[in-house]
Amino acid sequence: MDYKKSKAPTNTVTRNIVELSDDTGNIYESVAIMAKRANQIAAEIKQDLNKKLAEFSSYNDSLEEVFENREQIEISRYYEKLPKPTLLAAEEFEQGQVYWRDPAREKVEED
């Protein structure tokens, strides 16, 4: 997923607690869902970054000075400018793009 195309803000935004708790009925549950999604997004971003930076890694064990590649720096800057995973997760949650379910609640409804 290209997170740069996301409309999530790159800085902190004040959010309405009532709107966040509309879907779940509980603000703490909403925050927990967004936190889990933020962890997933962070893992995806880290995996992408590691994959791109692995192309530049050298397998020499010499004590030579490490030269930084201009492309490496550009890749790092790109990832630094991305919105934080928590902001991306909050935006996805507000847009209704996060799938979640509560097995305990489903079990109670079945009985």
N, C-alpha and C. Protein backbone atom coordinates (compact mmCIF):
# COMPACT_ATOMS: atom_id res chain seq x y z
N MET A 1 0.84 -1.17 0.00
CA MET A 1 0.00 0.00 0.00
C MET A 1 0.88 1.24 0.00
N ASP A 2 0.51 2.22 -0.79
CA ASP A 2 1.27 3.45 -0.85
C ASP A 2 0.71 4.43 0.16
N TYR A 3 1.40 4.56 1.27
CA TYR A 3 0.92 5.41 2.36
C TYR A 3 1.10 6.89 2.05
N LYS A 4 1.92 7.23 1.06
CA LYS A 4 2.10 8.63 0.70
C LYS A 4 0.83 9.18 0.07
N LYS A 5 0.04 8.35 -0.56
CA LYS A 5 -1.20 8.79 -1.19
C LYS A 5 -2.34 8.92 -0.19
N SER A 6 -2.11 8.53 1.04
CA SER A 6 -3.12 8.64 2.07
C SER A 6 -3.40 10.10 2.38
N LYS A 7 -4.63 10.38 2.74
CA LYS A 7 -5.00 11.74 3.08
C LYS A 7 -4.83 12.02 4.57
N ALA A 8 -4.14 11.15 5.26
CA ALA A 8 -3.90 11.33 6.69
C ALA A 8 -2.96 12.51 6.90
N PRO A 9 -3.21 13.30 7.94
CA PRO A 9 -2.32 14.43 8.22
C PRO A 9 -0.96 13.95 8.70
N THR A 10 0.04 14.79 8.52
CA THR A 10 1.38 14.42 8.96
C THR A 10 1.68 14.92 10.36
N ASN A 11 0.74 15.64 10.95
CA ASN A 11 0.93 16.11 12.32
C ASN A 11 -0.30 15.73 13.16
N THR A 12 -0.22 15.98 14.43
CA THR A 12 -1.27 15.58 15.36
C THR A 12 -2.54 16.39 15.11
N VAL A 13 -3.67 15.69 15.18
CA VAL A 13 -4.97 16.30 14.94
C VAL A 13 -5.87 15.99 16.13
N THR A 14 -6.64 16.98 16.58
CA THR A 14 -7.61 16.74 17.64
C THR A 14 -8.82 16.05 17.03
N ARG A 15 -9.24 14.97 17.67
CA ARG A 15 -10.37 14.19 17.14
C ARG A 15 -11.52 14.20 18.12
N ASN A 16 -12.72 14.06 17.60
CA ASN A 16 -13.92 14.04 18.42
C ASN A 16 -14.09 12.64 19.01
N ILE A 17 -14.08 12.55 20.31
CA ILE A 17 -14.16 11.25 21.00
C ILE A 17 -15.49 10.56 20.73
N VAL A 18 -16.56 11.33 20.65
CA VAL A 18 -17.88 10.76 20.42
C VAL A 18 -17.94 10.08 19.06
N GLU A 19 -17.37 10.73 18.04
CA GLU A 19 -17.36 10.14 16.71
C GLU A 19 -16.51 8.87 16.65
N LEU A 20 -15.40 8.87 17.39
CA LEU A 20 -14.54 7.68 17.39
C LEU A 20 -15.21 6.50 18.07
N SER A 21 -16.07 6.77 19.04
CA SER A 21 -16.70 5.67 19.76
C SER A 21 -18.04 5.27 19.17
N ASP A 22 -18.48 5.89 18.08
CA ASP A 22 -19.77 5.55 17.47
C ASP A 22 -19.83 4.10 17.00
N ASP A 23 -18.79 3.63 16.33
CA ASP A 23 -18.81 2.27 15.76
C ASP A 23 -18.75 1.19 16.83
N THR A 24 -17.97 1.41 17.86
CA THR A 24 -17.77 0.37 18.87
C THR A 24 -18.63 0.56 20.10
N GLY A 25 -19.04 1.80 20.36
CA GLY A 25 -19.79 2.09 21.56
C GLY A 25 -18.91 2.33 22.77
N ASN A 26 -17.60 2.24 22.57
CA ASN A 26 -16.66 2.38 23.68
C ASN A 26 -15.38 3.02 23.14
N ILE A 27 -14.98 4.14 23.70
CA ILE A 27 -13.79 4.84 23.22
C ILE A 27 -12.53 4.01 23.41
N TYR A 28 -12.47 3.26 24.48
CA TYR A 28 -11.27 2.45 24.76
C TYR A 28 -11.13 1.31 23.75
N GLU A 29 -12.24 0.75 23.36
CA GLU A 29 -12.21 -0.30 22.34
C GLU A 29 -11.78 0.29 21.00
N SER A 30 -12.27 1.47 20.68
CA SER A 30 -11.87 2.14 19.44
C SER A 30 -10.38 2.42 19.42
N VAL A 31 -9.86 2.90 20.54
CA VAL A 31 -8.42 3.19 20.63
C VAL A 31 -7.61 1.90 20.51
N ALA A 32 -8.09 0.82 21.11
CA ALA A 32 -7.38 -0.46 21.01
C ALA A 32 -7.35 -0.95 19.57
N ILE A 33 -8.45 -0.79 18.86
CA ILE A 33 -8.52 -1.20 17.45
C ILE A 33 -7.54 -0.38 16.62
N MET A 34 -7.53 0.93 16.85
CA MET A 34 -6.61 1.79 16.11
C MET A 34 -5.15 1.47 16.45
N ALA A 35 -4.88 1.12 17.70
CA ALA A 35 -3.51 0.78 18.10
C ALA A 35 -3.04 -0.50 17.40
N LYS A 36 -3.92 -1.49 17.33
CA LYS A 36 -3.55 -2.73 16.64
C LYS A 36 -3.31 -2.48 15.16
N ARG A 37 -4.14 -1.65 14.55
CA ARG A 37 -3.96 -1.33 13.14
C ARG A 37 -2.67 -0.54 12.93
N ALA A 38 -2.37 0.37 13.86
CA ALA A 38 -1.13 1.15 13.76
C ALA A 38 0.09 0.23 13.83
N ASN A 39 0.03 -0.79 14.68
CA ASN A 39 1.13 -1.76 14.75
C ASN A 39 1.29 -2.51 13.44
N GLN A 40 0.17 -2.88 12.81
CA GLN A 40 0.23 -3.56 11.52
C GLN A 40 0.86 -2.65 10.45
N ILE A 41 0.43 -1.40 10.43
CA ILE A 41 0.96 -0.44 9.45
C ILE A 41 2.45 -0.22 9.68
N ALA A 42 2.86 -0.06 10.93
CA ALA A 42 4.27 0.15 11.25
C ALA A 42 5.10 -1.05 10.80
N ALA A 43 4.58 -2.25 10.99
CA ALA A 43 5.31 -3.45 10.57
C ALA A 43 5.45 -3.49 9.04
N GLU A 44 4.39 -3.10 8.33
CA GLU A 44 4.44 -3.07 6.86
C GLU A 44 5.46 -2.05 6.37
N ILE A 45 5.44 -0.87 6.96
CA ILE A 45 6.37 0.18 6.56
C ILE A 45 7.81 -0.24 6.85
N LYS A 46 8.02 -0.83 8.01
CA LYS A 46 9.37 -1.27 8.38
C LYS A 46 9.87 -2.36 7.44
N GLN A 47 8.98 -3.28 7.07
CA GLN A 47 9.35 -4.34 6.15
C GLN A 47 9.71 -3.76 4.78
N ASP A 48 8.92 -2.81 4.29
CA ASP A 48 9.22 -2.17 3.01
C ASP A 48 10.55 -1.44 3.04
N LEU A 49 10.78 -0.69 4.12
CA LEU A 49 12.03 0.07 4.26
C LEU A 49 13.23 -0.87 4.32
N ASN A 50 13.12 -1.93 5.10
CA ASN A 50 14.23 -2.88 5.20
C ASN A 50 14.52 -3.56 3.87
N LYS A 51 13.46 -3.85 3.12
CA LYS A 51 13.64 -4.49 1.82
C LYS A 51 14.38 -3.55 0.86
N LYS A 52 14.00 -2.27 0.87
CA LYS A 52 14.66 -1.31 -0.02
C LYS A 52 16.10 -1.03 0.41
N LEU A 53 16.34 -0.95 1.72
CA LEU A 53 17.69 -0.67 2.19
C LEU A 53 18.61 -1.89 2.07
N ALA A 54 18.03 -3.07 2.02
CA ALA A 54 18.83 -4.28 1.89
C ALA A 54 19.58 -4.31 0.56
N GLU A 55 19.03 -3.63 -0.44
CA GLU A 55 19.69 -3.58 -1.74
C GLU A 55 21.04 -2.87 -1.66
N PHE A 56 21.18 -1.98 -0.68
CA PHE A 56 22.40 -1.19 -0.57
C PHE A 56 23.39 -1.76 0.43
N SER A 57 23.00 -2.78 1.15
CA SER A 57 23.89 -3.31 2.18
C SER A 57 25.06 -4.06 1.54
N SER A 58 26.21 -3.92 2.17
CA SER A 58 27.38 -4.65 1.70
C SER A 58 27.71 -5.72 2.73
N TYR A 59 28.22 -6.79 2.26
CA TYR A 59 28.50 -7.94 3.13
C TYR A 59 29.97 -8.03 3.49
N ASN A 60 30.68 -6.93 3.34
CA ASN A 60 32.10 -6.90 3.71
C ASN A 60 32.22 -6.64 5.20
N ASP A 61 33.07 -7.38 5.85
CA ASP A 61 33.29 -7.19 7.28
C ASP A 61 34.54 -6.36 7.54
N SER A 62 34.88 -5.52 6.61
CA SER A 62 36.08 -4.71 6.78
C SER A 62 35.77 -3.50 7.65
N LEU A 63 36.81 -2.88 8.14
CA LEU A 63 36.65 -1.72 9.01
C LEU A 63 36.71 -0.41 8.22
N GLU A 64 36.44 -0.51 6.93
CA GLU A 64 36.45 0.68 6.10
C GLU A 64 35.29 1.59 6.48
N GLU A 65 35.46 2.84 6.17
CA GLU A 65 34.41 3.82 6.45
C GLU A 65 33.17 3.49 5.61
N VAL A 66 32.03 3.61 6.22
CA VAL A 66 30.78 3.32 5.51
C VAL A 66 30.40 4.55 4.70
N PHE A 67 30.22 4.35 3.43
CA PHE A 67 29.83 5.44 2.55
C PHE A 67 28.31 5.41 2.39
N GLU A 68 27.70 6.56 2.60
CA GLU A 68 26.26 6.63 2.45
C GLU A 68 25.93 6.94 1.00
N ASN A 69 25.00 6.21 0.50
CA ASN A 69 24.57 6.35 -0.86
C ASN A 69 23.47 7.41 -0.94
N ARG A 70 23.50 8.22 -1.97
CA ARG A 70 22.50 9.26 -2.14
C ARG A 70 21.10 8.66 -2.24
N GLU A 71 20.96 7.55 -2.91
CA GLU A 71 19.66 6.89 -3.05
C GLU A 71 19.16 6.41 -1.69
N GLN A 72 20.07 5.93 -0.88
CA GLN A 72 19.72 5.49 0.47
C GLN A 72 19.15 6.65 1.29
N ILE A 73 19.78 7.79 1.17
CA ILE A 73 19.33 8.98 1.90
C ILE A 73 17.95 9.39 1.41
N GLU A 74 17.72 9.35 0.11
CA GLU A 74 16.41 9.72 -0.43
C GLU A 74 15.32 8.77 0.05
N ILE A 75 15.63 7.49 0.11
CA ILE A 75 14.66 6.51 0.60
C ILE A 75 14.33 6.79 2.06
N SER A 76 15.34 7.07 2.85
CA SER A 76 15.13 7.38 4.26
C SER A 76 14.29 8.64 4.44
N ARG A 77 14.56 9.64 3.65
CA ARG A 77 13.77 10.88 3.73
C ARG A 77 12.32 10.64 3.35
N TYR A 78 12.10 9.82 2.34
CA TYR A 78 10.74 9.50 1.93
C TYR A 78 9.96 8.89 3.10
N TYR A 79 10.57 7.93 3.79
CA TYR A 79 9.90 7.27 4.90
C TYR A 79 9.75 8.19 6.11
N GLU A 80 10.66 9.13 6.29
CA GLU A 80 10.54 10.08 7.39
C GLU A 80 9.39 11.04 7.17
N LYS A 81 9.08 11.35 5.93
CA LYS A 81 8.00 12.30 5.62
C LYS A 81 6.62 11.67 5.64
N LEU A 82 6.56 10.36 5.68
CA LEU A 82 5.25 9.69 5.72
C LEU A 82 4.53 10.02 7.01
N PRO A 83 3.20 10.03 6.97
CA PRO A 83 2.45 10.19 8.23
C PRO A 83 2.76 9.03 9.17
N LYS A 84 2.70 9.30 10.46
CA LYS A 84 2.97 8.26 11.45
C LYS A 84 1.90 7.18 11.38
N PRO A 85 2.25 5.94 11.73
CA PRO A 85 1.28 4.84 11.66
C PRO A 85 0.02 5.09 12.49
N THR A 86 0.14 5.77 13.62
CA THR A 86 -1.05 6.05 14.43
C THR A 86 -2.00 6.99 13.70
N LEU A 87 -1.46 7.97 12.99
CA LEU A 87 -2.31 8.88 12.23
C LEU A 87 -2.96 8.17 11.05
N LEU A 88 -2.22 7.29 10.41
CA LEU A 88 -2.80 6.51 9.31
C LEU A 88 -3.91 5.60 9.81
N ALA A 89 -3.69 4.95 10.96
CA ALA A 89 -4.69 4.05 11.53
C ALA A 89 -5.94 4.82 11.94
N ALA A 90 -5.77 5.99 12.54
CA ALA A 90 -6.92 6.79 12.95
C ALA A 90 -7.72 7.24 11.73
N GLU A 91 -7.04 7.62 10.68
CA GLU A 91 -7.72 8.04 9.45
C GLU A 91 -8.50 6.87 8.84
N GLU A 92 -7.88 5.70 8.78
CA GLU A 92 -8.56 4.51 8.25
C GLU A 92 -9.77 4.16 9.10
N PHE A 93 -9.65 4.27 10.42
CA PHE A 93 -10.76 3.95 11.32
C PHE A 93 -11.91 4.92 11.11
N GLU A 94 -11.60 6.20 10.99
CA GLU A 94 -12.65 7.20 10.76
C GLU A 94 -13.35 7.00 9.43
N GLN A 95 -12.61 6.55 8.42
CA GLN A 95 -13.19 6.33 7.10
C GLN A 95 -13.92 4.99 6.98
N GLY A 96 -13.86 4.17 8.02
CA GLY A 96 -14.51 2.87 8.00
C GLY A 96 -13.78 1.83 7.19
N GLN A 97 -12.47 1.99 7.03
CA GLN A 97 -11.67 1.07 6.22
C GLN A 97 -11.01 -0.02 7.05
N VAL A 98 -11.25 -0.05 8.35
CA VAL A 98 -10.63 -1.04 9.22
C VAL A 98 -11.68 -2.09 9.56
N TYR A 99 -11.35 -3.36 9.26
CA TYR A 99 -12.25 -4.46 9.63
C TYR A 99 -11.88 -4.92 11.02
N TRP A 100 -12.87 -5.03 11.89
CA TRP A 100 -12.65 -5.53 13.23
C TRP A 100 -13.88 -6.28 13.67
N ARG A 101 -13.67 -7.16 14.62
CA ARG A 101 -14.80 -7.89 15.19
C ARG A 101 -14.47 -8.24 16.63
N ASP A 102 -15.50 -8.49 17.41
CA ASP A 102 -15.34 -8.83 18.81
C ASP A 102 -15.94 -10.22 19.02
N PRO A 103 -15.13 -11.26 19.11
CA PRO A 103 -15.65 -12.63 19.26
C PRO A 103 -16.50 -12.78 20.54
N ALA A 104 -16.15 -12.09 21.61
CA ALA A 104 -16.93 -12.20 22.84
C ALA A 104 -18.33 -11.64 22.64
N ARG A 105 -18.45 -10.52 21.95
CA ARG A 105 -19.75 -9.93 21.68
C ARG A 105 -20.58 -10.81 20.75
N GLU A 106 -19.91 -11.42 19.75
CA GLU A 106 -20.61 -12.30 18.82
C GLU A 106 -21.15 -13.53 19.54
N LYS A 107 -20.38 -14.05 20.49
CA LYS A 107 -20.82 -15.23 21.24
C LYS A 107 -22.05 -14.91 22.09
N VAL A 108 -22.10 -13.73 22.70
CA VAL A 108 -23.24 -13.32 23.52
C VAL A 108 -24.47 -13.16 22.65
N GLU A 109 -24.33 -12.62 21.45
CA GLU A 109 -25.46 -12.42 20.56
C GLU A 109 -26.02 -13.75 20.06
N GLU A 110 -25.17 -14.78 19.93
CA GLU A 110 -25.64 -16.09 19.48
C GLU A 110 -26.48 -16.78 20.54
N ASP A 111 -26.14 -16.57 21.81
CA ASP A 111 -26.87 -17.26 22.90
C ASP A 111 -28.23 -16.74 23.12
